[in-house]
Amino acid sequence: MPNYVSVAKTSDIRPGRGKAFTFKGRRIAVFNDNGDFCALSNTCAHAMGSLGRGRVRNGVVTCPVHGYAYDTKTGACRTDTRLKVETYEVTVEDDEVKMMQ
């Protein structure tokens, strides 16, 4: 059985927004896509902007620096198909957003 660790409370991340955390030595961004939570690398592959400061809508995270858009399930960049960011599995239990240890 996988071991999950809490990284945030669901109430810590407003709908449509993200928040950056350090998890296992990596900067990750957890997003609340209207109650669906997902996690990506916090660093935009285009210009190293903080994705956690961006917005999420309908499964797409938009970087606040230059507007590059990333699919939350695959990490593929919709703006430049040569780019991609890492995605991470999350689960929600009660009011906790958890990632696999």
PDB file of N, CA and C in Angstrom:
ATOM      1  N   MET A   1       0.850  -1.186   0.000  1.00  0.00           N
ATOM      2  CA  MET A   1       0.000   0.000   0.000  1.00  0.00           C
ATOM      3  C   MET A   1       0.891   1.244   0.000  1.00  0.00           C
ATOM      4  N   PRO A   2       0.638   2.191  -0.925  1.00  0.00           N
ATOM      5  CA  PRO A   2       1.471   3.396  -1.006  1.00  0.00           C
ATOM      6  C   PRO A   2       1.352   4.258   0.244  1.00  0.00           C
ATOM      7  N   ASN A   3       2.427   4.945   0.560  1.00  0.00           N
ATOM      8  CA  ASN A   3       2.451   5.844   1.701  1.00  0.00           C
ATOM      9  C   ASN A   3       2.330   7.273   1.193  1.00  0.00           C
ATOM     10  N   TYR A   4       1.276   7.976   1.585  1.00  0.00           N
ATOM     11  CA  TYR A   4       1.058   9.349   1.148  1.00  0.00           C
ATOM     12  C   TYR A   4       1.348  10.317   2.288  1.00  0.00           C
ATOM     13  N   VAL A   5       1.856  11.492   1.915  1.00  0.00           N
ATOM     14  CA  VAL A   5       2.211  12.529   2.871  1.00  0.00           C
ATOM     15  C   VAL A   5       1.425  13.788   2.543  1.00  0.00           C
ATOM     16  N   SER A   6       0.872  14.424   3.554  1.00  0.00           N
ATOM     17  CA  SER A   6       0.111  15.651   3.361  1.00  0.00           C
ATOM     18  C   SER A   6       1.044  16.798   2.971  1.00  0.00           C
ATOM     19  N   VAL A   7       0.646  17.552   1.932  1.00  0.00           N
ATOM     20  CA  VAL A   7       1.422  18.726   1.515  1.00  0.00           C
ATOM     21  C   VAL A   7       0.644  20.020   1.733  1.00  0.00           C
ATOM     22  N   ALA A   8      -0.685  19.924   1.848  1.00  0.00           N
ATOM     23  CA  ALA A   8      -1.502  21.125   2.052  1.00  0.00           C
ATOM     24  C   ALA A   8      -2.911  20.724   2.450  1.00  0.00           C
ATOM     25  N   LYS A   9      -3.621  21.661   2.995  1.00  0.00           N
ATOM     26  CA  LYS A   9      -5.056  21.494   3.204  1.00  0.00           C
ATOM     27  C   LYS A   9      -5.754  22.003   1.945  1.00  0.00           C
ATOM     28  N   THR A  10      -6.872  21.408   1.587  1.00  0.00           N
ATOM     29  CA  THR A  10      -7.585  21.848   0.386  1.00  0.00           C
ATOM     30  C   THR A  10      -7.976  23.314   0.496  1.00  0.00           C
ATOM     31  N   SER A  11      -8.263  23.767   1.694  1.00  0.00           N
ATOM     32  CA  SER A  11      -8.667  25.166   1.899  1.00  0.00           C
ATOM     33  C   SER A  11      -7.505  26.144   1.726  1.00  0.00           C
ATOM     34  N   ASP A  12      -6.262  25.650   1.693  1.00  0.00           N
ATOM     35  CA  ASP A  12      -5.087  26.514   1.503  1.00  0.00           C
ATOM     36  C   ASP A  12      -4.931  26.990   0.063  1.00  0.00           C
ATOM     37  N   ILE A  13      -5.617  26.310  -0.876  1.00  0.00           N
ATOM     38  CA  ILE A  13      -5.440  26.618  -2.306  1.00  0.00           C
ATOM     39  C   ILE A  13      -6.800  26.986  -2.896  1.00  0.00           C
ATOM     40  N   ARG A  14      -6.953  28.241  -3.227  1.00  0.00           N
ATOM     41  CA  ARG A  14      -8.230  28.735  -3.755  1.00  0.00           C
ATOM     42  C   ARG A  14      -8.536  28.106  -5.114  1.00  0.00           C
ATOM     43  N   PRO A  15      -9.820  27.939  -5.449  1.00  0.00           N
ATOM     44  CA  PRO A  15     -10.185  27.432  -6.775  1.00  0.00           C
ATOM     45  C   PRO A  15      -9.586  28.316  -7.872  1.00  0.00           C
ATOM     46  N   GLY A  16      -9.024  27.655  -8.893  1.00  0.00           N
ATOM     47  CA  GLY A  16      -8.422  28.365 -10.008  1.00  0.00           C
ATOM     48  C   GLY A  16      -6.997  28.820  -9.766  1.00  0.00           C
ATOM     49  N   ARG A  17      -6.457  28.502  -8.610  1.00  0.00           N
ATOM     50  CA  ARG A  17      -5.117  28.970  -8.246  1.00  0.00           C
ATOM     51  C   ARG A  17      -4.218  27.797  -7.852  1.00  0.00           C
ATOM     52  N   GLY A  18      -2.953  28.120  -7.655  1.00  0.00           N
ATOM     53  CA  GLY A  18      -1.970  27.136  -7.242  1.00  0.00           C
ATOM     54  C   GLY A  18      -1.140  27.655  -6.093  1.00  0.00           C
ATOM     55  N   LYS A  19      -0.312  26.770  -5.559  1.00  0.00           N
ATOM     56  CA  LYS A  19       0.584  27.133  -4.468  1.00  0.00           C
ATOM     57  C   LYS A  19       1.816  26.253  -4.587  1.00  0.00           C
ATOM     58  N   ALA A  20       2.984  26.854  -4.413  1.00  0.00           N
ATOM     59  CA  ALA A  20       4.244  26.115  -4.543  1.00  0.00           C
ATOM     60  C   ALA A  20       4.687  25.547  -3.197  1.00  0.00           C
ATOM     61  N   PHE A  21       5.275  24.350  -3.262  1.00  0.00           N
ATOM     62  CA  PHE A  21       5.790  23.656  -2.085  1.00  0.00           C
ATOM     63  C   PHE A  21       7.107  22.978  -2.454  1.00  0.00           C
ATOM     64  N   THR A  22       7.898  22.673  -1.448  1.00  0.00           N
ATOM     65  CA  THR A  22       9.065  21.823  -1.652  1.00  0.00           C
ATOM     66  C   THR A  22       8.679  20.433  -1.181  1.00  0.00           C
ATOM     67  N   PHE A  23       8.832  19.455  -2.066  1.00  0.00           N
ATOM     68  CA  PHE A  23       8.482  18.070  -1.748  1.00  0.00           C
ATOM     69  C   PHE A  23       9.587  17.166  -2.260  1.00  0.00           C
ATOM     70  N   LYS A  24      10.171  16.409  -1.356  1.00  0.00           N
ATOM     71  CA  LYS A  24      11.271  15.505  -1.708  1.00  0.00           C
ATOM     72  C   LYS A  24      12.379  16.252  -2.452  1.00  0.00           C
ATOM     73  N   GLY A  25      12.679  17.469  -1.994  1.00  0.00           N
ATOM     74  CA  GLY A  25      13.757  18.261  -2.565  1.00  0.00           C
ATOM     75  C   GLY A  25      13.428  18.962  -3.875  1.00  0.00           C
ATOM     76  N   ARG A  26      12.200  18.862  -4.332  1.00  0.00           N
ATOM     77  CA  ARG A  26      11.792  19.492  -5.595  1.00  0.00           C
ATOM     78  C   ARG A  26      10.726  20.545  -5.336  1.00  0.00           C
ATOM     79  N   ARG A  27      10.766  21.619  -6.150  1.00  0.00           N
ATOM     80  CA  ARG A  27       9.715  22.632  -6.070  1.00  0.00           C
ATOM     81  C   ARG A  27       8.568  22.176  -6.962  1.00  0.00           C
ATOM     82  N   ILE A  28       7.419  21.970  -6.339  1.00  0.00           N
ATOM     83  CA  ILE A  28       6.229  21.545  -7.061  1.00  0.00           C
ATOM     84  C   ILE A  28       5.119  22.566  -6.828  1.00  0.00           C
ATOM     85  N   ALA A  29       4.172  22.602  -7.728  1.00  0.00           N
ATOM     86  CA  ALA A  29       3.006  23.478  -7.585  1.00  0.00           C
ATOM     87  C   ALA A  29       1.763  22.605  -7.558  1.00  0.00           C
ATOM     88  N   VAL A  30       0.936  22.809  -6.541  1.00  0.00           N
ATOM     89  CA  VAL A  30      -0.326  22.091  -6.414  1.00  0.00           C
ATOM     90  C   VAL A  30      -1.438  23.068  -6.793  1.00  0.00           C
ATOM     91  N   PHE A  31      -2.343  22.621  -7.653  1.00  0.00           N
ATOM     92  CA  PHE A  31      -3.414  23.469  -8.166  1.00  0.00           C
ATOM     93  C   PHE A  31      -4.781  22.931  -7.785  1.00  0.00           C
ATOM     94  N   ASN A  32      -5.721  23.851  -7.624  1.00  0.00           N
ATOM     95  CA  ASN A  32      -7.115  23.531  -7.357  1.00  0.00           C
ATOM     96  C   ASN A  32      -7.920  23.936  -8.593  1.00  0.00           C
ATOM     97  N   ASP A  33      -8.230  22.957  -9.423  1.00  0.00           N
ATOM     98  CA  ASP A  33      -9.015  23.200 -10.639  1.00  0.00           C
ATOM     99  C   ASP A  33     -10.480  22.957 -10.308  1.00  0.00           C
ATOM    100  N   ASN A  34     -11.062  23.907  -9.554  1.00  0.00           N
ATOM    101  CA  ASN A  34     -12.456  23.820  -9.094  1.00  0.00           C
ATOM    102  C   ASN A  34     -12.760  22.507  -8.384  1.00  0.00           C
ATOM    103  N   GLY A  35     -11.903  22.164  -7.425  1.00  0.00           N
ATOM    104  CA  GLY A  35     -12.105  20.971  -6.607  1.00  0.00           C
ATOM    105  C   GLY A  35     -11.308  19.766  -7.056  1.00  0.00           C
ATOM    106  N   ASP A  36     -10.764  19.792  -8.259  1.00  0.00           N
ATOM    107  CA  ASP A  36      -9.864  18.732  -8.727  1.00  0.00           C
ATOM    108  C   ASP A  36      -8.435  19.220  -8.490  1.00  0.00           C
ATOM    109  N   PHE A  37      -7.683  18.453  -7.716  1.00  0.00           N
ATOM    110  CA  PHE A  37      -6.319  18.861  -7.379  1.00  0.00           C
ATOM    111  C   PHE A  37      -5.312  18.112  -8.237  1.00  0.00           C
ATOM    112  N   CYS A  38      -4.252  18.813  -8.619  1.00  0.00           N
ATOM    113  CA  CYS A  38      -3.193  18.241  -9.446  1.00  0.00           C
ATOM    114  C   CYS A  38      -1.880  18.889  -9.049  1.00  0.00           C
ATOM    115  N   ALA A  39      -0.773  18.276  -9.466  1.00  0.00           N
ATOM    116  CA  ALA A  39       0.546  18.826  -9.137  1.00  0.00           C
ATOM    117  C   ALA A  39       1.469  18.732 -10.341  1.00  0.00           C
ATOM    118  N   LEU A  40       2.241  19.794 -10.538  1.00  0.00           N
ATOM    119  CA  LEU A  40       3.219  19.887 -11.624  1.00  0.00           C
ATOM    120  C   LEU A  40       4.511  20.461 -11.051  1.00  0.00           C
ATOM    121  N   SER A  41       5.571  20.345 -11.831  1.00  0.00           N
ATOM    122  CA  SER A  41       6.791  21.060 -11.479  1.00  0.00           C
ATOM    123  C   SER A  41       6.435  22.534 -11.353  1.00  0.00           C
ATOM    124  N   ASN A  42       7.027  23.221 -10.397  1.00  0.00           N
ATOM    125  CA  ASN A  42       6.730  24.641 -10.218  1.00  0.00           C
ATOM    126  C   ASN A  42       7.415  25.514 -11.265  1.00  0.00           C
ATOM    127  N   THR A  43       8.349  24.963 -12.015  1.00  0.00           N
ATOM    128  CA  THR A  43       9.154  25.766 -12.936  1.00  0.00           C
ATOM    129  C   THR A  43       8.700  25.628 -14.384  1.00  0.00           C
ATOM    130  N   CYS A  44       8.288  26.737 -14.980  1.00  0.00           N
ATOM    131  CA  CYS A  44       7.897  26.750 -16.387  1.00  0.00           C
ATOM    132  C   CYS A  44       9.101  26.377 -17.248  1.00  0.00           C
ATOM    133  N   ALA A  45       8.898  25.492 -18.202  1.00  0.00           N
ATOM    134  CA  ALA A  45       9.984  25.033 -19.071  1.00  0.00           C
ATOM    135  C   ALA A  45      10.412  26.108 -20.075  1.00  0.00           C
ATOM    136  N   HIS A  46       9.630  27.142 -20.236  1.00  0.00           N
ATOM    137  CA  HIS A  46       9.961  28.196 -21.190  1.00  0.00           C
ATOM    138  C   HIS A  46      10.955  29.210 -20.620  1.00  0.00           C
ATOM    139  N   ALA A  47      10.584  29.852 -19.514  1.00  0.00           N
ATOM    140  CA  ALA A  47      11.431  30.931 -18.988  1.00  0.00           C
ATOM    141  C   ALA A  47      11.600  30.847 -17.479  1.00  0.00           C
ATOM    142  N   MET A  48      11.423  29.636 -16.932  1.00  0.00           N
ATOM    143  CA  MET A  48      11.669  29.364 -15.522  1.00  0.00           C
ATOM    144  C   MET A  48      10.740  30.121 -14.566  1.00  0.00           C
ATOM    145  N   GLY A  49       9.587  30.578 -15.044  1.00  0.00           N
ATOM    146  CA  GLY A  49       8.616  31.259 -14.186  1.00  0.00           C
ATOM    147  C   GLY A  49       8.006  30.301 -13.192  1.00  0.00           C
ATOM    148  N   SER A  50       7.432  30.833 -12.131  1.00  0.00           N
ATOM    149  CA  SER A  50       6.789  30.027 -11.091  1.00  0.00           C
ATOM    150  C   SER A  50       5.355  29.690 -11.506  1.00  0.00           C
ATOM    151  N   LEU A  51       5.135  28.439 -11.894  1.00  0.00           N
ATOM    152  CA  LEU A  51       3.783  28.022 -12.290  1.00  0.00           C
ATOM    153  C   LEU A  51       2.805  28.126 -11.131  1.00  0.00           C
ATOM    154  N   GLY A  52       3.302  27.953  -9.905  1.00  0.00           N
ATOM    155  CA  GLY A  52       2.438  28.039  -8.731  1.00  0.00           C
ATOM    156  C   GLY A  52       1.765  29.390  -8.570  1.00  0.00           C
ATOM    157  N   ARG A  53       2.283  30.406  -9.227  1.00  0.00           N
ATOM    158  CA  ARG A  53       1.679  31.738  -9.177  1.00  0.00           C
ATOM    159  C   ARG A  53       0.693  31.939 -10.324  1.00  0.00           C
ATOM    160  N   GLY A  54       0.569  30.920 -11.161  1.00  0.00           N
ATOM    161  CA  GLY A  54      -0.338  31.007 -12.299  1.00  0.00           C
ATOM    162  C   GLY A  54      -1.754  30.596 -11.949  1.00  0.00           C
ATOM    163  N   ARG A  55      -2.544  30.470 -12.987  1.00  0.00           N
ATOM    164  CA  ARG A  55      -3.951  30.080 -12.816  1.00  0.00           C
ATOM    165  C   ARG A  55      -4.201  28.760 -13.536  1.00  0.00           C
ATOM    166  N   VAL A  56      -5.227  28.045 -13.063  1.00  0.00           N
ATOM    167  CA  VAL A  56      -5.619  26.783 -13.681  1.00  0.00           C
ATOM    168  C   VAL A  56      -7.103  26.845 -14.023  1.00  0.00           C
ATOM    169  N   ARG A  57      -7.417  26.315 -15.204  1.00  0.00           N
ATOM    170  CA  ARG A  57      -8.814  26.269 -15.632  1.00  0.00           C
ATOM    171  C   ARG A  57      -8.971  25.146 -16.635  1.00  0.00           C
ATOM    172  N   ASN A  58      -9.955  24.294 -16.403  1.00  0.00           N
ATOM    173  CA  ASN A  58     -10.273  23.194 -17.321  1.00  0.00           C
ATOM    174  C   ASN A  58      -9.053  22.356 -17.679  1.00  0.00           C
ATOM    175  N   GLY A  59      -8.228  22.039 -16.682  1.00  0.00           N
ATOM    176  CA  GLY A  59      -7.092  21.160 -16.906  1.00  0.00           C
ATOM    177  C   GLY A  59      -5.893  21.800 -17.562  1.00  0.00           C
ATOM    178  N   VAL A  60      -5.835  23.143 -17.555  1.00  0.00           N
ATOM    179  CA  VAL A  60      -4.711  23.857 -18.160  1.00  0.00           C
ATOM    180  C   VAL A  60      -4.177  24.906 -17.176  1.00  0.00           C
ATOM    181  N   VAL A  61      -2.871  24.825 -16.904  1.00  0.00           N
ATOM    182  CA  VAL A  61      -2.196  25.800 -16.050  1.00  0.00           C
ATOM    183  C   VAL A  61      -1.509  26.816 -16.952  1.00  0.00           C
ATOM    184  N   THR A  62      -1.686  28.099 -16.644  1.00  0.00           N
ATOM    185  CA  THR A  62      -1.068  29.162 -17.436  1.00  0.00           C
ATOM    186  C   THR A  62       0.006  29.853 -16.601  1.00  0.00           C
ATOM    187  N   CYS A  63       1.216  29.889 -17.144  1.00  0.00           N
ATOM    188  CA  CYS A  63       2.340  30.549 -16.474  1.00  0.00           C
ATOM    189  C   CYS A  63       2.090  32.052 -16.431  1.00  0.00           C
ATOM    190  N   PRO A  64       2.314  32.690 -15.273  1.00  0.00           N
ATOM    191  CA  PRO A  64       2.068  34.125 -15.168  1.00  0.00           C
ATOM    192  C   PRO A  64       3.121  34.990 -15.858  1.00  0.00           C
ATOM    193  N   VAL A  65       4.245  34.426 -16.269  1.00  0.00           N
ATOM    194  CA  VAL A  65       5.309  35.229 -16.866  1.00  0.00           C
ATOM    195  C   VAL A  65       5.018  35.546 -18.336  1.00  0.00           C
ATOM    196  N   HIS A  66       4.860  34.515 -19.175  1.00  0.00           N
ATOM    197  CA  HIS A  66       4.628  34.740 -20.607  1.00  0.00           C
ATOM    198  C   HIS A  66       3.372  34.049 -21.134  1.00  0.00           C
ATOM    199  N   GLY A  67       2.587  33.440 -20.250  1.00  0.00           N
ATOM    200  CA  GLY A  67       1.324  32.851 -20.678  1.00  0.00           C
ATOM    201  C   GLY A  67       1.414  31.471 -21.302  1.00  0.00           C
ATOM    202  N   TYR A  68       2.531  30.783 -21.110  1.00  0.00           N
ATOM    203  CA  TYR A  68       2.637  29.424 -21.651  1.00  0.00           C
ATOM    204  C   TYR A  68       1.674  28.521 -20.886  1.00  0.00           C
ATOM    205  N   ALA A  69       0.971  27.644 -21.619  1.00  0.00           N
ATOM    206  CA  ALA A  69      -0.077  26.812 -21.042  1.00  0.00           C
ATOM    207  C   ALA A  69       0.353  25.345 -21.009  1.00  0.00           C
ATOM    208  N   TYR A  70       0.077  24.685 -19.877  1.00  0.00           N
ATOM    209  CA  TYR A  70       0.465  23.284 -19.675  1.00  0.00           C
ATOM    210  C   TYR A  70      -0.736  22.438 -19.299  1.00  0.00           C
ATOM    211  N   ASP A  71      -0.827  21.257 -19.891  1.00  0.00           N
ATOM    212  CA  ASP A  71      -1.867  20.282 -19.567  1.00  0.00           C
ATOM    213  C   ASP A  71      -1.571  19.706 -18.186  1.00  0.00           C
ATOM    214  N   THR A  72      -2.552  19.715 -17.286  1.00  0.00           N
ATOM    215  CA  THR A  72      -2.311  19.256 -15.914  1.00  0.00           C
ATOM    216  C   THR A  72      -2.152  17.744 -15.801  1.00  0.00           C
ATOM    217  N   LYS A  73      -2.652  16.997 -16.751  1.00  0.00           N
ATOM    218  CA  LYS A  73      -2.535  15.534 -16.688  1.00  0.00           C
ATOM    219  C   LYS A  73      -1.218  15.021 -17.266  1.00  0.00           C
ATOM    220  N   THR A  74      -0.756  15.645 -18.347  1.00  0.00           N
ATOM    221  CA  THR A  74       0.430  15.148 -19.040  1.00  0.00           C
ATOM    222  C   THR A  74       1.668  16.036 -18.856  1.00  0.00           C
ATOM    223  N   GLY A  75       1.460  17.300 -18.501  1.00  0.00           N
ATOM    224  CA  GLY A  75       2.565  18.250 -18.398  1.00  0.00           C
ATOM    225  C   GLY A  75       2.985  18.826 -19.731  1.00  0.00           C
ATOM    226  N   ALA A  76       2.351  18.388 -20.824  1.00  0.00           N
ATOM    227  CA  ALA A  76       2.695  18.879 -22.161  1.00  0.00           C
ATOM    228  C   ALA A  76       2.323  20.347 -22.307  1.00  0.00           C
ATOM    229  N   CYS A  77       3.206  21.090 -22.932  1.00  0.00           N
ATOM    230  CA  CYS A  77       2.962  22.513 -23.174  1.00  0.00           C
ATOM    231  C   CYS A  77       2.107  22.663 -24.419  1.00  0.00           C
ATOM    232  N   ARG A  78       1.021  23.397 -24.287  1.00  0.00           N
ATOM    233  CA  ARG A  78       0.133  23.629 -25.431  1.00  0.00           C
ATOM    234  C   ARG A  78       0.602  24.810 -26.273  1.00  0.00           C
ATOM    235  N   THR A  79       1.467  25.631 -25.715  1.00  0.00           N
ATOM    236  CA  THR A  79       1.967  26.806 -26.424  1.00  0.00           C
ATOM    237  C   THR A  79       3.145  26.452 -27.320  1.00  0.00           C
ATOM    238  N   ASP A  80       4.003  25.568 -26.834  1.00  0.00           N
ATOM    239  CA  ASP A  80       5.183  25.109 -27.574  1.00  0.00           C
ATOM    240  C   ASP A  80       5.305  23.612 -27.324  1.00  0.00           C
ATOM    241  N   THR A  81       4.937  22.816 -28.303  1.00  0.00           N
ATOM    242  CA  THR A  81       4.864  21.360 -28.124  1.00  0.00           C
ATOM    243  C   THR A  81       6.216  20.704 -27.846  1.00  0.00           C
ATOM    244  N   ARG A  82       7.300  21.435 -27.972  1.00  0.00           N
ATOM    245  CA  ARG A  82       8.622  20.885 -27.639  1.00  0.00           C
ATOM    246  C   ARG A  82       8.867  20.871 -26.138  1.00  0.00           C
ATOM    247  N   LEU A  83       8.046  21.595 -25.381  1.00  0.00           N
ATOM    248  CA  LEU A  83       8.251  21.740 -23.940  1.00  0.00           C
ATOM    249  C   LEU A  83       7.308  20.857 -23.136  1.00  0.00           C
ATOM    250  N   LYS A  84       7.758  20.506 -21.935  1.00  0.00           N
ATOM    251  CA  LYS A  84       6.953  19.679 -21.043  1.00  0.00           C
ATOM    252  C   LYS A  84       7.461  19.881 -19.617  1.00  0.00           C
ATOM    253  N   VAL A  85       6.555  19.772 -18.642  1.00  0.00           N
ATOM    254  CA  VAL A  85       6.939  19.803 -17.232  1.00  0.00           C
ATOM    255  C   VAL A  85       6.517  18.492 -16.580  1.00  0.00           C
ATOM    256  N   GLU A  86       7.168  18.171 -15.494  1.00  0.00           N
ATOM    257  CA  GLU A  86       6.872  16.938 -14.742  1.00  0.00           C
ATOM    258  C   GLU A  86       5.517  17.070 -14.048  1.00  0.00           C
ATOM    259  N   THR A  87       4.753  15.970 -14.026  1.00  0.00           N
ATOM    260  CA  THR A  87       3.498  15.914 -13.279  1.00  0.00           C
ATOM    261  C   THR A  87       3.674  14.950 -12.115  1.00  0.00           C
ATOM    262  N   TYR A  88       2.863  15.128 -11.087  1.00  0.00           N
ATOM    263  CA  TYR A  88       2.951  14.300  -9.884  1.00  0.00           C
ATOM    264  C   TYR A  88       1.557  13.852  -9.476  1.00  0.00           C
ATOM    265  N   GLU A  89       1.492  12.638  -8.962  1.00  0.00           N
ATOM    266  CA  GLU A  89       0.216  12.090  -8.508  1.00  0.00           C
ATOM    267  C   GLU A  89      -0.157  12.694  -7.160  1.00  0.00           C
ATOM    268  N   VAL A  90      -1.418  13.118  -7.038  1.00  0.00           N
ATOM    269  CA  VAL A  90      -1.940  13.597  -5.766  1.00  0.00           C
ATOM    270  C   VAL A  90      -3.239  12.866  -5.459  1.00  0.00           C
ATOM    271  N   THR A  91      -3.563  12.836  -4.187  1.00  0.00           N
ATOM    272  CA  THR A  91      -4.842  12.304  -3.748  1.00  0.00           C
ATOM    273  C   THR A  91      -5.376  13.232  -2.676  1.00  0.00           C
ATOM    274  N   VAL A  92      -6.693  13.253  -2.502  1.00  0.00           N
ATOM    275  CA  VAL A  92      -7.305  14.080  -1.468  1.00  0.00           C
ATOM    276  C   VAL A  92      -8.026  13.160  -0.501  1.00  0.00           C
ATOM    277  N   GLU A  93      -7.692  13.299   0.772  1.00  0.00           N
ATOM    278  CA  GLU A  93      -8.360  12.561   1.841  1.00  0.00           C
ATOM    279  C   GLU A  93      -8.813  13.574   2.874  1.00  0.00           C
ATOM    280  N   ASP A  94     -10.101  13.568   3.174  1.00  0.00           N
ATOM    281  CA  ASP A  94     -10.684  14.552   4.067  1.00  0.00           C
ATOM    282  C   ASP A  94     -10.356  15.940   3.525  1.00  0.00           C
ATOM    283  N   ASP A  95      -9.648  16.756   4.264  1.00  0.00           N
ATOM    284  CA  ASP A  95      -9.293  18.108   3.812  1.00  0.00           C
ATOM    285  C   ASP A  95      -7.808  18.212   3.505  1.00  0.00           C
ATOM    286  N   GLU A  96      -7.166  17.083   3.188  1.00  0.00           N
ATOM    287  CA  GLU A  96      -5.721  17.055   2.979  1.00  0.00           C
ATOM    288  C   GLU A  96      -5.381  16.679   1.532  1.00  0.00           C
ATOM    289  N   VAL A  97      -4.488  17.476   0.919  1.00  0.00           N
ATOM    290  CA  VAL A  97      -3.934  17.129  -0.380  1.00  0.00           C
ATOM    291  C   VAL A  97      -2.646  16.360  -0.101  1.00  0.00           C
ATOM    292  N   LYS A  98      -2.548  15.140  -0.618  1.00  0.00           N
ATOM    293  CA  LYS A  98      -1.420  14.273  -0.299  1.00  0.00           C
ATOM    294  C   LYS A  98      -0.700  13.814  -1.564  1.00  0.00           C
ATOM    295  N   MET A  99       0.609  13.604  -1.391  1.00  0.00           N
ATOM    296  CA  MET A  99       1.449  13.087  -2.489  1.00  0.00           C
ATOM    297  C   MET A  99       2.135  11.819  -2.003  1.00  0.00           C
ATOM    298  N   MET A 100       2.457  10.934  -2.972  1.00  0.00           N
ATOM    299  CA  MET A 100       3.082   9.673  -2.624  1.00  0.00           C
ATOM    300  C   MET A 100       4.507   9.919  -2.116  1.00  0.00           C
ATOM    301  N   GLN A 101       4.798   9.327  -0.981  1.00  0.00           N
ATOM    302  CA  GLN A 101       6.130   9.445  -0.346  1.00  0.00           C
ATOM    303  C   GLN A 101       7.204   8.793  -1.176  1.00  0.00           C
TER     304      GLN A 101
END
